[in-house]
């Protein structure tokens, strides 16, 4: 009996070890594949993933699935900081391109911009604005914008591509202005702690606004000229797309302030205040000549699980350790530093 008991015990141990090491072997084979996928799908390659269609509720709040020939109202989500994450020019342009390919063909009959953005990088905002305008003119589709929260600076710039802008009464709209992220000078601190720094450079202005040496008078003049030009372009765009807005009042009275929906309508920034999403969608469908029961609302989502999972990659995947400086006190993300911005940022 003792012999049989030991044999059964030995068999159980062997089975356990085989299973255990088998699992380890499978894991060892899968992990490198996951790492490779993560590196390729991390976004650093410049590759933009193919958008995934998501069916959204119609004006009656119903998520209806129609056949493959039904007309589409394309919802383009303008949420977050322009130039970051899902709101880059590449990802928005990819949505627009994808909406005319494959099963979509010429089914997109209108575009609904849902905006919840403080703005961001000026160049991305301009590119998104131009892409939407080009799409609208090329395919002759109406474009409406709707916000129930924040449509400021670069977010408002994108809204200017729409035929009409709708907002709730308490939405915040405007902030027509341009800004650079703050430049810091730490020479006083360096003197106190006894630290010196020397920058090796070539080219006039290459060392401009260097934070580790005293600044010279008018050193910021070149950067001010850039911001002035960006601001003038923004003002010209507002006056062009919103003819009822007085340029003189925009520059001298409204400035880069934001306004609630009621005020924004009064000064000509938007077409309707007190609006709802459903009401805006209904008005857009009517402008496109669509019956309430025939169209489908679709959003093309550009992110996927790989992008989300590897958004903040481990040093184990990259082989590098990142050292970052927390600039949260300025209200400016590190990705926006040193770039001209159309950004509403009250925390400065």
C-alpha atoms as a PDB file:
ATOM      1  CA  UNK A   1       0.000   0.000   0.000  1.00  0.00           C
ATOM      2  CA  UNK A   2       2.842   2.351   0.788  1.00  0.00           C
ATOM      3  CA  UNK A   3       4.300   1.747  -2.680  1.00  0.00           C
ATOM      4  CA  UNK A   4       0.956   2.497  -4.370  1.00  0.00           C
ATOM      5  CA  UNK A   5       0.474   5.654  -2.264  1.00  0.00           C
ATOM      6  CA  UNK A   6       3.938   6.950  -3.221  1.00  0.00           C
ATOM      7  CA  UNK A   7       3.343   6.163  -6.901  1.00  0.00           C
ATOM      8  CA  UNK A   8       0.068   8.086  -6.894  1.00  0.00           C
ATOM      9  CA  UNK A   9       1.768  10.988  -5.105  1.00  0.00           C
ATOM     10  CA  UNK A  10       4.669  10.982  -7.590  1.00  0.00           C
ATOM     11  CA  UNK A  11       2.262  10.907 -10.543  1.00  0.00           C
ATOM     12  CA  UNK A  12       0.331  13.837  -9.129  1.00  0.00           C
ATOM     13  CA  UNK A  13       3.535  15.841  -8.676  1.00  0.00           C
ATOM     14  CA  UNK A  14       4.681  15.028 -12.209  1.00  0.00           C
ATOM     15  CA  UNK A  15       1.309  16.053 -13.666  1.00  0.00           C
ATOM     16  CA  UNK A  16       1.363  19.298 -11.710  1.00  0.00           C
ATOM     17  CA  UNK A  17       4.892  20.149 -12.831  1.00  0.00           C
ATOM     18  CA  UNK A  18       4.094  19.351 -16.469  1.00  0.00           C
ATOM     19  CA  UNK A  19       1.044  21.601 -16.377  1.00  0.00           C
ATOM     20  CA  UNK A  20       2.904  24.361 -14.531  1.00  0.00           C
ATOM     21  CA  UNK A  21       5.862  24.443 -16.874  1.00  0.00           C
ATOM     22  CA  UNK A  22       3.546  24.070 -19.873  1.00  0.00           C
ATOM     23  CA  UNK A  23       1.753  27.257 -18.841  1.00  0.00           C
ATOM     24  CA  UNK A  24       5.091  29.020 -18.376  1.00  0.00           C
ATOM     25  CA  UNK A  25       6.147  27.886 -21.843  1.00  0.00           C
ATOM     26  CA  UNK A  26       2.975  29.227 -23.439  1.00  0.00           C
ATOM     27  CA  UNK A  27       3.426  32.508 -21.571  1.00  0.00           C
ATOM     28  CA  UNK A  28       7.035  32.756 -22.729  1.00  0.00           C
ATOM     29  CA  UNK A  29       5.863  32.360 -26.317  1.00  0.00           C
ATOM     30  CA  UNK A  30       2.991  34.847 -26.067  1.00  0.00           C
ATOM     31  CA  UNK A  31       4.770  37.658 -24.184  1.00  0.00           C
ATOM     32  CA  UNK A  32       7.260  38.491 -26.993  1.00  0.00           C
ATOM     33  CA  UNK A  33       4.352  38.620 -29.466  1.00  0.00           C
ATOM     34  CA  UNK A  34       2.453  41.025 -27.189  1.00  0.00           C
ATOM     35  CA  UNK A  35       5.568  43.176 -26.805  1.00  0.00           C
ATOM     36  CA  UNK A  36       6.087  43.346 -30.577  1.00  0.00           C
ATOM     37  CA  UNK A  37       2.427  44.220 -31.147  1.00  0.00           C
ATOM     38  CA  UNK A  38       2.641  46.851 -28.431  1.00  0.00           C
ATOM     39  CA  UNK A  39       5.710  48.473 -29.944  1.00  0.00           C
ATOM     40  CA  UNK A  40       4.206  48.476 -33.438  1.00  0.00           C
ATOM     41  CA  UNK A  41       0.832  49.694 -32.230  1.00  0.00           C
ATOM     42  CA  UNK A  42       2.118  52.282 -29.782  1.00  0.00           C
ATOM     43  CA  UNK A  43       1.685  55.182 -32.165  1.00  0.00           C
ATOM     44  CA  UNK A  44       5.377  56.114 -32.342  1.00  0.00           C
ATOM     45  CA  UNK A  45       5.600  54.791 -35.897  1.00  0.00           C
ATOM     46  CA  UNK A  46       3.190  57.416 -37.200  1.00  0.00           C
ATOM     47  CA  UNK A  47       0.734  54.695 -38.185  1.00  0.00           C
ATOM     48  CA  UNK A  48      -2.943  55.620 -37.717  1.00  0.00           C
ATOM     49  CA  UNK A  49      -5.162  52.631 -36.954  1.00  0.00           C
ATOM     50  CA  UNK A  50      -8.200  52.007 -39.150  1.00  0.00           C
ATOM     51  CA  UNK A  51     -11.290  53.596 -37.563  1.00  0.00           C
ATOM     52  CA  UNK A  52     -13.936  51.283 -36.100  1.00  0.00           C
ATOM     53  CA  UNK A  53     -17.592  52.174 -36.779  1.00  0.00           C
ATOM     54  CA  UNK A  54     -19.785  52.815 -33.729  1.00  0.00           C
ATOM     55  CA  UNK A  55     -23.546  53.224 -34.131  1.00  0.00           C
ATOM     56  CA  UNK A  56     -24.909  56.185 -32.131  1.00  0.00           C
ATOM     57  CA  UNK A  57     -28.515  56.988 -31.165  1.00  0.00           C
ATOM     58  CA  UNK A  58     -30.610  59.032 -33.577  1.00  0.00           C
ATOM     59  CA  UNK A  59     -32.620  62.136 -32.643  1.00  0.00           C
ATOM     60  CA  UNK A  60     -35.222  59.916 -30.963  1.00  0.00           C
ATOM     61  CA  UNK A  61     -32.544  58.378 -28.758  1.00  0.00           C
ATOM     62  CA  UNK A  62     -32.722  55.029 -30.545  1.00  0.00           C
ATOM     63  CA  UNK A  63     -29.715  53.083 -31.768  1.00  0.00           C
ATOM     64  CA  UNK A  64     -31.185  51.737 -34.995  1.00  0.00           C
ATOM     65  CA  UNK A  65     -29.297  49.425 -37.353  1.00  0.00           C
ATOM     66  CA  UNK A  66     -30.231  49.968 -40.999  1.00  0.00           C
ATOM     67  CA  UNK A  67     -29.104  48.089 -44.083  1.00  0.00           C
ATOM     68  CA  UNK A  68     -25.838  48.757 -45.890  1.00  0.00           C
ATOM     69  CA  UNK A  69     -27.397  51.340 -48.206  1.00  0.00           C
ATOM     70  CA  UNK A  70     -28.938  53.652 -45.588  1.00  0.00           C
ATOM     71  CA  UNK A  71     -27.758  57.281 -45.541  1.00  0.00           C
ATOM     72  CA  UNK A  72     -25.340  58.214 -42.767  1.00  0.00           C
ATOM     73  CA  UNK A  73     -24.846  61.232 -40.554  1.00  0.00           C
ATOM     74  CA  UNK A  74     -21.187  61.083 -39.563  1.00  0.00           C
ATOM     75  CA  UNK A  75     -20.470  62.156 -35.994  1.00  0.00           C
ATOM     76  CA  UNK A  76     -16.965  63.597 -35.654  1.00  0.00           C
ATOM     77  CA  UNK A  77     -16.038  63.835 -31.991  1.00  0.00           C
ATOM     78  CA  UNK A  78     -13.926  66.922 -31.238  1.00  0.00           C
ATOM     79  CA  UNK A  79     -13.199  66.154 -27.588  1.00  0.00           C
ATOM     80  CA  UNK A  80     -10.067  66.931 -25.611  1.00  0.00           C
ATOM     81  CA  UNK A  81      -6.989  68.983 -26.398  1.00  0.00           C
ATOM     82  CA  UNK A  82      -6.417  69.614 -30.096  1.00  0.00           C
ATOM     83  CA  UNK A  83      -3.210  67.912 -31.221  1.00  0.00           C
ATOM     84  CA  UNK A  84      -3.209  65.261 -28.496  1.00  0.00           C
ATOM     85  CA  UNK A  85      -4.442  61.662 -28.243  1.00  0.00           C
ATOM     86  CA  UNK A  86      -7.521  61.127 -30.432  1.00  0.00           C
ATOM     87  CA  UNK A  87      -7.768  64.745 -31.565  1.00  0.00           C
ATOM     88  CA  UNK A  88      -4.809  65.008 -33.932  1.00  0.00           C
ATOM     89  CA  UNK A  89      -5.036  66.138 -37.531  1.00  0.00           C
ATOM     90  CA  UNK A  90      -3.992  62.663 -38.721  1.00  0.00           C
ATOM     91  CA  UNK A  91      -6.721  60.828 -36.809  1.00  0.00           C
ATOM     92  CA  UNK A  92      -9.506  63.214 -37.762  1.00  0.00           C
ATOM     93  CA  UNK A  93      -8.419  63.177 -41.415  1.00  0.00           C
ATOM     94  CA  UNK A  94      -8.345  59.370 -41.309  1.00  0.00           C
ATOM     95  CA  UNK A  95     -11.984  59.359 -40.179  1.00  0.00           C
ATOM     96  CA  UNK A  96     -12.965  61.602 -43.069  1.00  0.00           C
ATOM     97  CA  UNK A  97     -11.079  59.505 -45.622  1.00  0.00           C
ATOM     98  CA  UNK A  98     -12.469  56.241 -44.251  1.00  0.00           C
ATOM     99  CA  UNK A  99     -16.018  57.610 -44.412  1.00  0.00           C
ATOM    100  CA  UNK A 100     -15.916  57.572 -48.229  1.00  0.00           C
ATOM    101  CA  UNK A 101     -14.315  54.141 -48.638  1.00  0.00           C
ATOM    102  CA  UNK A 102     -15.582  50.567 -48.727  1.00  0.00           C
ATOM    103  CA  UNK A 103     -19.159  50.005 -47.559  1.00  0.00           C
ATOM    104  CA  UNK A 104     -19.633  53.718 -46.861  1.00  0.00           C
ATOM    105  CA  UNK A 105     -19.250  54.894 -50.460  1.00  0.00           C
ATOM    106  CA  UNK A 106     -21.314  58.061 -50.847  1.00  0.00           C
ATOM    107  CA  UNK A 107     -23.684  57.244 -47.965  1.00  0.00           C
ATOM    108  CA  UNK A 108     -22.460  60.090 -45.705  1.00  0.00           C
ATOM    109  CA  UNK A 109     -24.984  62.886 -46.256  1.00  0.00           C
ATOM    110  CA  UNK A 110     -24.087  65.173 -43.336  1.00  0.00           C
ATOM    111  CA  UNK A 111     -21.502  65.716 -40.597  1.00  0.00           C
ATOM    112  CA  UNK A 112     -22.192  66.482 -36.952  1.00  0.00           C
ATOM    113  CA  UNK A 113     -19.287  67.952 -34.981  1.00  0.00           C
ATOM    114  CA  UNK A 114     -19.714  67.369 -31.249  1.00  0.00           C
ATOM    115  CA  UNK A 115     -17.259  69.709 -29.567  1.00  0.00           C
ATOM    116  CA  UNK A 116     -15.903  69.545 -26.026  1.00  0.00           C
ATOM    117  CA  UNK A 117     -12.501  71.174 -26.351  1.00  0.00           C
ATOM    118  CA  UNK A 118     -10.388  74.033 -24.942  1.00  0.00           C
ATOM    119  CA  UNK A 119      -8.342  74.053 -28.151  1.00  0.00           C
ATOM    120  CA  UNK A 120      -4.667  73.170 -28.356  1.00  0.00           C
ATOM    121  CA  UNK A 121      -1.940  73.179 -31.002  1.00  0.00           C
ATOM    122  CA  UNK A 122      -2.705  75.875 -33.586  1.00  0.00           C
ATOM    123  CA  UNK A 123      -1.395  73.943 -36.588  1.00  0.00           C
ATOM    124  CA  UNK A 124      -3.513  70.869 -35.807  1.00  0.00           C
ATOM    125  CA  UNK A 125      -6.620  72.989 -35.354  1.00  0.00           C
ATOM    126  CA  UNK A 126      -6.055  74.686 -38.698  1.00  0.00           C
ATOM    127  CA  UNK A 127      -5.493  71.349 -40.446  1.00  0.00           C
ATOM    128  CA  UNK A 128      -8.689  69.868 -38.986  1.00  0.00           C
ATOM    129  CA  UNK A 129     -10.673  72.981 -39.927  1.00  0.00           C
ATOM    130  CA  UNK A 130      -9.375  72.840 -43.509  1.00  0.00           C
ATOM    131  CA  UNK A 131     -10.025  69.092 -43.819  1.00  0.00           C
ATOM    132  CA  UNK A 132     -13.659  69.496 -42.752  1.00  0.00           C
ATOM    133  CA  UNK A 133     -14.165  72.477 -45.076  1.00  0.00           C
ATOM    134  CA  UNK A 134     -12.665  70.554 -47.991  1.00  0.00           C
ATOM    135  CA  UNK A 135     -14.874  67.539 -47.273  1.00  0.00           C
ATOM    136  CA  UNK A 136     -17.977  69.732 -47.051  1.00  0.00           C
ATOM    137  CA  UNK A 137     -17.275  71.451 -50.360  1.00  0.00           C
ATOM    138  CA  UNK A 138     -16.146  68.337 -52.231  1.00  0.00           C
ATOM    139  CA  UNK A 139     -19.108  66.159 -51.275  1.00  0.00           C
ATOM    140  CA  UNK A 140     -21.684  68.944 -50.841  1.00  0.00           C
ATOM    141  CA  UNK A 141     -22.855  67.871 -47.376  1.00  0.00           C
ATOM    142  CA  UNK A 142     -24.086  70.123 -44.556  1.00  0.00           C
ATOM    143  CA  UNK A 143     -21.944  70.347 -41.417  1.00  0.00           C
ATOM    144  CA  UNK A 144     -23.360  71.399 -38.052  1.00  0.00           C
ATOM    145  CA  UNK A 145     -21.456  71.842 -34.792  1.00  0.00           C
ATOM    146  CA  UNK A 146     -22.889  71.273 -31.326  1.00  0.00           C
ATOM    147  CA  UNK A 147     -21.437  71.877 -27.873  1.00  0.00           C
ATOM    148  CA  UNK A 148     -22.915  71.433 -24.425  1.00  0.00           C
ATOM    149  CA  UNK A 149     -19.739  72.246 -22.517  1.00  0.00           C
ATOM    150  CA  UNK A 150     -16.621  73.981 -23.880  1.00  0.00           C
ATOM    151  CA  UNK A 151     -15.943  75.187 -27.408  1.00  0.00           C
ATOM    152  CA  UNK A 152     -12.978  77.485 -26.953  1.00  0.00           C
ATOM    153  CA  UNK A 153     -10.005  78.756 -28.922  1.00  0.00           C
ATOM    154  CA  UNK A 154      -8.840  75.920 -31.221  1.00  0.00           C
ATOM    155  CA  UNK A 155     -12.092  74.079 -30.515  1.00  0.00           C
ATOM    156  CA  UNK A 156     -13.999  77.125 -31.740  1.00  0.00           C
ATOM    157  CA  UNK A 157     -11.641  77.377 -34.721  1.00  0.00           C
ATOM    158  CA  UNK A 158     -12.751  73.884 -35.790  1.00  0.00           C
ATOM    159  CA  UNK A 159     -16.416  74.790 -35.214  1.00  0.00           C
ATOM    160  CA  UNK A 160     -15.999  77.598 -37.751  1.00  0.00           C
ATOM    161  CA  UNK A 161     -15.921  74.939 -40.480  1.00  0.00           C
ATOM    162  CA  UNK A 162     -19.603  74.238 -39.768  1.00  0.00           C
ATOM    163  CA  UNK A 163     -22.546  75.790 -41.574  1.00  0.00           C
ATOM    164  CA  UNK A 164     -24.214  76.385 -38.218  1.00  0.00           C
ATOM    165  CA  UNK A 165     -23.067  76.259 -34.590  1.00  0.00           C
ATOM    166  CA  UNK A 166     -25.498  75.217 -31.857  1.00  0.00           C
ATOM    167  CA  UNK A 167     -24.876  75.371 -28.098  1.00  0.00           C
ATOM    168  CA  UNK A 168     -26.621  75.060 -24.769  1.00  0.00           C
ATOM    169  CA  UNK A 169     -27.205  78.240 -22.793  1.00  0.00           C
ATOM    170  CA  UNK A 170     -24.441  77.464 -20.313  1.00  0.00           C
ATOM    171  CA  UNK A 171     -21.803  76.294 -22.800  1.00  0.00           C
ATOM    172  CA  UNK A 172     -18.569  78.299 -22.860  1.00  0.00           C
ATOM    173  CA  UNK A 173     -17.604  79.614 -26.294  1.00  0.00           C
ATOM    174  CA  UNK A 174     -14.907  81.883 -27.691  1.00  0.00           C
ATOM    175  CA  UNK A 175     -11.358  82.565 -26.475  1.00  0.00           C
ATOM    176  CA  UNK A 176     -10.186  83.915 -29.828  1.00  0.00           C
ATOM    177  CA  UNK A 177      -6.500  84.369 -29.094  1.00  0.00           C
ATOM    178  CA  UNK A 178      -3.045  82.839 -29.487  1.00  0.00           C
ATOM    179  CA  UNK A 179      -0.425  82.011 -26.885  1.00  0.00           C
ATOM    180  CA  UNK A 180       2.885  80.247 -26.335  1.00  0.00           C
ATOM    181  CA  UNK A 181       3.431  78.023 -23.332  1.00  0.00           C
ATOM    182  CA  UNK A 182       5.382  79.871 -20.600  1.00  0.00           C
ATOM    183  CA  UNK A 183       9.132  80.379 -20.908  1.00  0.00           C
ATOM    184  CA  UNK A 184      10.969  79.969 -17.611  1.00  0.00           C
ATOM    185  CA  UNK A 185      14.241  81.523 -16.473  1.00  0.00           C
ATOM    186  CA  UNK A 186      16.105  79.790 -13.645  1.00  0.00           C
ATOM    187  CA  UNK A 187      19.301  81.849 -13.559  1.00  0.00           C
ATOM    188  CA  UNK A 188      18.468  83.330 -10.146  1.00  0.00           C
ATOM    189  CA  UNK A 189      17.940  79.876  -8.698  1.00  0.00           C
ATOM    190  CA  UNK A 190      21.154  78.609 -10.291  1.00  0.00           C
ATOM    191  CA  UNK A 191      23.142  81.431  -8.707  1.00  0.00           C
ATOM    192  CA  UNK A 192      21.753  80.563  -5.287  1.00  0.00           C
ATOM    193  CA  UNK A 193      22.740  76.902  -5.539  1.00  0.00           C
ATOM    194  CA  UNK A 194      26.059  77.581  -7.295  1.00  0.00           C
ATOM    195  CA  UNK A 195      25.288  75.908 -10.623  1.00  0.00           C
ATOM    196  CA  UNK A 196      26.486  77.142 -14.018  1.00  0.00           C
ATOM    197  CA  UNK A 197      25.457  76.109 -17.540  1.00  0.00           C
ATOM    198  CA  UNK A 198      26.774  76.819 -21.010  1.00  0.00           C
ATOM    199  CA  UNK A 199      24.924  76.214 -24.269  1.00  0.00           C
ATOM    200  CA  UNK A 200      26.907  75.464 -27.417  1.00  0.00           C
ATOM    201  CA  UNK A 201      25.010  76.685 -30.471  1.00  0.00           C
ATOM    202  CA  UNK A 202      25.346  78.223 -33.922  1.00  0.00           C
ATOM    203  CA  UNK A 203      22.909  80.486 -35.767  1.00  0.00           C
ATOM    204  CA  UNK A 204      21.441  83.821 -34.774  1.00  0.00           C
ATOM    205  CA  UNK A 205      18.495  83.320 -32.449  1.00  0.00           C
ATOM    206  CA  UNK A 206      19.137  79.617 -31.911  1.00  0.00           C
ATOM    207  CA  UNK A 207      19.721  80.295 -28.224  1.00  0.00           C
ATOM    208  CA  UNK A 208      16.711  82.602 -27.839  1.00  0.00           C
ATOM    209  CA  UNK A 209      14.842  82.440 -24.522  1.00  0.00           C
ATOM    210  CA  UNK A 210      17.445  80.098 -23.046  1.00  0.00           C
ATOM    211  CA  UNK A 211      16.297  79.431 -19.489  1.00  0.00           C
ATOM    212  CA  UNK A 212      19.805  79.074 -18.022  1.00  0.00           C
ATOM    213  CA  UNK A 213      21.147  82.536 -18.846  1.00  0.00           C
ATOM    214  CA  UNK A 214      19.790  86.091 -18.371  1.00  0.00           C
ATOM    215  CA  UNK A 215      17.536  87.210 -21.201  1.00  0.00           C
ATOM    216  CA  UNK A 216      18.436  90.223 -23.327  1.00  0.00           C
ATOM    217  CA  UNK A 217      15.996  93.088 -24.043  1.00  0.00           C
ATOM    218  CA  UNK A 218      13.526  92.267 -26.838  1.00  0.00           C
ATOM    219  CA  UNK A 219      14.746  88.682 -26.974  1.00  0.00           C
ATOM    220  CA  UNK A 220      11.141  87.560 -27.152  1.00  0.00           C
ATOM    221  CA  UNK A 221      10.342  89.794 -30.157  1.00  0.00           C
ATOM    222  CA  UNK A 222      10.541  86.985 -32.724  1.00  0.00           C
ATOM    223  CA  UNK A 223       8.188  84.776 -30.713  1.00  0.00           C
ATOM    224  CA  UNK A 224       5.810  87.691 -30.224  1.00  0.00           C
ATOM    225  CA  UNK A 225       5.734  88.214 -33.998  1.00  0.00           C
ATOM    226  CA  UNK A 226       4.772  84.567 -34.478  1.00  0.00           C
ATOM    227  CA  UNK A 227       1.955  84.802 -31.952  1.00  0.00           C
ATOM    228  CA  UNK A 228       0.739  88.091 -33.447  1.00  0.00           C
ATOM    229  CA  UNK A 229       0.556  86.447 -36.882  1.00  0.00           C
ATOM    230  CA  UNK A 230      -1.312  83.452 -35.465  1.00  0.00           C
ATOM    231  CA  UNK A 231      -3.768  85.783 -33.747  1.00  0.00           C
ATOM    232  CA  UNK A 232      -4.365  87.826 -36.901  1.00  0.00           C
ATOM    233  CA  UNK A 233      -5.095  84.627 -38.834  1.00  0.00           C
ATOM    234  CA  UNK A 234      -7.571  83.515 -36.167  1.00  0.00           C
ATOM    235  CA  UNK A 235      -9.368  86.867 -36.169  1.00  0.00           C
ATOM    236  CA  UNK A 236      -9.549  86.858 -39.975  1.00  0.00           C
ATOM    237  CA  UNK A 237     -11.026  83.348 -39.913  1.00  0.00           C
ATOM    238  CA  UNK A 238     -13.713  84.312 -37.398  1.00  0.00           C
ATOM    239  CA  UNK A 239     -14.723  87.380 -39.406  1.00  0.00           C
ATOM    240  CA  UNK A 240     -14.783  85.341 -42.625  1.00  0.00           C
ATOM    241  CA  UNK A 241     -16.895  82.477 -41.276  1.00  0.00           C
ATOM    242  CA  UNK A 242     -19.078  84.594 -38.954  1.00  0.00           C
ATOM    243  CA  UNK A 243     -19.901  87.730 -41.018  1.00  0.00           C
ATOM    244  CA  UNK A 244     -22.081  89.165 -38.253  1.00  0.00           C
ATOM    245  CA  UNK A 245     -19.037  89.443 -35.967  1.00  0.00           C
ATOM    246  CA  UNK A 246     -17.440  92.887 -36.079  1.00  0.00           C
ATOM    247  CA  UNK A 247     -13.656  92.707 -36.403  1.00  0.00           C
ATOM    248  CA  UNK A 248     -13.285  95.940 -34.453  1.00  0.00           C
ATOM    249  CA  UNK A 249     -15.392  94.637 -31.587  1.00  0.00           C
ATOM    250  CA  UNK A 250     -13.724  91.227 -31.705  1.00  0.00           C
ATOM    251  CA  UNK A 251     -10.271  92.753 -31.236  1.00  0.00           C
ATOM    252  CA  UNK A 252     -11.105  95.646 -28.922  1.00  0.00           C
ATOM    253  CA  UNK A 253     -14.058  94.372 -26.886  1.00  0.00           C
ATOM    254  CA  UNK A 254     -14.501  90.606 -26.995  1.00  0.00           C
ATOM    255  CA  UNK A 255     -10.792  89.826 -27.057  1.00  0.00           C
ATOM    256  CA  UNK A 256      -9.852  86.313 -25.979  1.00  0.00           C
ATOM    257  CA  UNK A 257     -12.684  86.089 -23.456  1.00  0.00           C
ATOM    258  CA  UNK A 258     -15.179  83.251 -23.354  1.00  0.00           C
ATOM    259  CA  UNK A 259     -18.942  83.689 -23.320  1.00  0.00           C
ATOM    260  CA  UNK A 260     -21.889  81.566 -22.263  1.00  0.00           C
ATOM    261  CA  UNK A 261     -24.207  80.409 -25.030  1.00  0.00           C
ATOM    262  CA  UNK A 262     -26.691  83.270 -24.713  1.00  0.00           C
ATOM    263  CA  UNK A 263     -23.935  85.875 -24.928  1.00  0.00           C
ATOM    264  CA  UNK A 264     -22.154  84.037 -27.739  1.00  0.00           C
ATOM    265  CA  UNK A 265     -25.307  84.114 -29.857  1.00  0.00           C
ATOM    266  CA  UNK A 266     -25.832  87.804 -29.165  1.00  0.00           C
ATOM    267  CA  UNK A 267     -22.381  88.758 -30.459  1.00  0.00           C
ATOM    268  CA  UNK A 268     -22.600  86.407 -33.450  1.00  0.00           C
ATOM    269  CA  UNK A 269     -20.221  83.638 -32.352  1.00  0.00           C
ATOM    270  CA  UNK A 270     -22.924  80.963 -32.730  1.00  0.00           C
ATOM    271  CA  UNK A 271     -26.281  80.517 -34.462  1.00  0.00           C
ATOM    272  CA  UNK A 272     -28.426  79.033 -31.703  1.00  0.00           C
ATOM    273  CA  UNK A 273     -28.275  78.902 -27.904  1.00  0.00           C
ATOM    274  CA  UNK A 274     -30.531  76.814 -25.687  1.00  0.00           C
ATOM    275  CA  UNK A 275     -30.019  73.962 -28.145  1.00  0.00           C
ATOM    276  CA  UNK A 276     -30.030  70.229 -27.482  1.00  0.00           C
ATOM    277  CA  UNK A 277     -28.108  67.443 -29.177  1.00  0.00           C
ATOM    278  CA  UNK A 278     -31.316  65.834 -30.445  1.00  0.00           C
ATOM    279  CA  UNK A 279     -32.614  69.145 -31.760  1.00  0.00           C
ATOM    280  CA  UNK A 280     -29.348  69.881 -33.550  1.00  0.00           C
ATOM    281  CA  UNK A 281     -29.335  66.404 -35.083  1.00  0.00           C
ATOM    282  CA  UNK A 282     -32.918  66.874 -36.284  1.00  0.00           C
ATOM    283  CA  UNK A 283     -32.066  70.244 -37.843  1.00  0.00           C
ATOM    284  CA  UNK A 284     -29.026  68.719 -39.556  1.00  0.00           C
ATOM    285  CA  UNK A 285     -31.056  65.818 -40.957  1.00  0.00           C
ATOM    286  CA  UNK A 286     -33.594  68.289 -42.328  1.00  0.00           C
ATOM    287  CA  UNK A 287     -30.813  70.353 -43.947  1.00  0.00           C
ATOM    288  CA  UNK A 288     -29.528  67.162 -45.589  1.00  0.00           C
ATOM    289  CA  UNK A 289     -33.002  66.231 -46.832  1.00  0.00           C
ATOM    290  CA  UNK A 290     -33.184  63.090 -44.685  1.00  0.00           C
ATOM    291  CA  UNK A 291     -36.311  61.583 -43.190  1.00  0.00           C
ATOM    292  CA  UNK A 292     -36.135  60.826 -39.435  1.00  0.00           C
ATOM    293  CA  UNK A 293     -36.541  57.063 -39.876  1.00  0.00           C
ATOM    294  CA  UNK A 294     -34.120  56.546 -42.769  1.00  0.00           C
ATOM    295  CA  UNK A 295     -30.682  57.713 -41.591  1.00  0.00           C
ATOM    296  CA  UNK A 296     -28.109  56.204 -39.270  1.00  0.00           C
ATOM    297  CA  UNK A 297     -25.668  58.081 -37.021  1.00  0.00           C
ATOM    298  CA  UNK A 298     -22.166  56.611 -37.058  1.00  0.00           C
ATOM    299  CA  UNK A 299     -18.928  57.578 -35.365  1.00  0.00           C
ATOM    300  CA  UNK A 300     -15.626  56.214 -36.651  1.00  0.00           C
ATOM    301  CA  UNK A 301     -13.513  55.494 -33.592  1.00  0.00           C
ATOM    302  CA  UNK A 302      -9.779  55.631 -34.245  1.00  0.00           C
ATOM    303  CA  UNK A 303      -8.427  54.072 -31.037  1.00  0.00           C
ATOM    304  CA  UNK A 304      -8.202  50.330 -30.444  1.00  0.00           C
ATOM    305  CA  UNK A 305      -7.355  48.093 -27.488  1.00  0.00           C
ATOM    306  CA  UNK A 306      -3.694  47.908 -28.456  1.00  0.00           C
ATOM    307  CA  UNK A 307      -3.340  51.690 -28.518  1.00  0.00           C
ATOM    308  CA  UNK A 308      -5.140  51.992 -25.186  1.00  0.00           C
ATOM    309  CA  UNK A 309      -3.206  49.172 -23.510  1.00  0.00           C
ATOM    310  CA  UNK A 310       0.173  50.477 -24.604  1.00  0.00           C
ATOM    311  CA  UNK A 311      -0.570  54.197 -24.336  1.00  0.00           C
ATOM    312  CA  UNK A 312       1.854  54.423 -21.421  1.00  0.00           C
ATOM    313  CA  UNK A 313       4.464  51.825 -22.227  1.00  0.00           C
ATOM    314  CA  UNK A 314       6.523  50.117 -19.605  1.00  0.00           C
ATOM    315  CA  UNK A 315      10.325  50.535 -19.579  1.00  0.00           C
ATOM    316  CA  UNK A 316      10.368  46.738 -19.998  1.00  0.00           C
ATOM    317  CA  UNK A 317       8.970  47.253 -23.500  1.00  0.00           C
ATOM    318  CA  UNK A 318      11.037  50.249 -24.519  1.00  0.00           C
ATOM    319  CA  UNK A 319      14.301  49.611 -22.708  1.00  0.00           C
ATOM    320  CA  UNK A 320      14.345  53.265 -21.677  1.00  0.00           C
ATOM    321  CA  UNK A 321      13.471  55.240 -18.586  1.00  0.00           C
ATOM    322  CA  UNK A 322      11.764  58.586 -19.100  1.00  0.00           C
ATOM    323  CA  UNK A 323      12.540  61.517 -16.821  1.00  0.00           C
ATOM    324  CA  UNK A 324       9.751  64.099 -16.848  1.00  0.00           C
ATOM    325  CA  UNK A 325       9.231  67.463 -15.209  1.00  0.00           C
ATOM    326  CA  UNK A 326       5.777  68.065 -13.799  1.00  0.00           C
ATOM    327  CA  UNK A 327       4.508  71.279 -15.406  1.00  0.00           C
ATOM    328  CA  UNK A 328       0.969  70.865 -14.103  1.00  0.00           C
ATOM    329  CA  UNK A 329       1.171  74.165 -12.224  1.00  0.00           C
ATOM    330  CA  UNK A 330       1.199  75.958 -15.590  1.00  0.00           C
ATOM    331  CA  UNK A 331      -1.820  74.064 -16.855  1.00  0.00           C
ATOM    332  CA  UNK A 332       0.149  73.176 -20.014  1.00  0.00           C
ATOM    333  CA  UNK A 333       0.859  69.570 -20.983  1.00  0.00           C
ATOM    334  CA  UNK A 334       4.522  68.842 -21.870  1.00  0.00           C
ATOM    335  CA  UNK A 335       3.465  67.959 -25.433  1.00  0.00           C
ATOM    336  CA  UNK A 336       2.310  71.545 -25.950  1.00  0.00           C
ATOM    337  CA  UNK A 337       5.438  73.269 -24.701  1.00  0.00           C
ATOM    338  CA  UNK A 338       7.218  75.509 -27.213  1.00  0.00           C
ATOM    339  CA  UNK A 339       4.363  75.490 -29.741  1.00  0.00           C
ATOM    340  CA  UNK A 340       1.958  78.251 -30.812  1.00  0.00           C
ATOM    341  CA  UNK A 341      -1.397  77.447 -29.230  1.00  0.00           C
ATOM    342  CA  UNK A 342      -5.030  78.315 -29.701  1.00  0.00           C
ATOM    343  CA  UNK A 343      -5.800  77.223 -26.158  1.00  0.00           C
ATOM    344  CA  UNK A 344      -8.166  78.363 -23.440  1.00  0.00           C
ATOM    345  CA  UNK A 345      -6.167  77.836 -20.269  1.00  0.00           C
ATOM    346  CA  UNK A 346      -7.355  79.807 -17.230  1.00  0.00           C
ATOM    347  CA  UNK A 347      -4.820  78.016 -14.981  1.00  0.00           C
ATOM    348  CA  UNK A 348      -1.609  79.967 -15.549  1.00  0.00           C
END
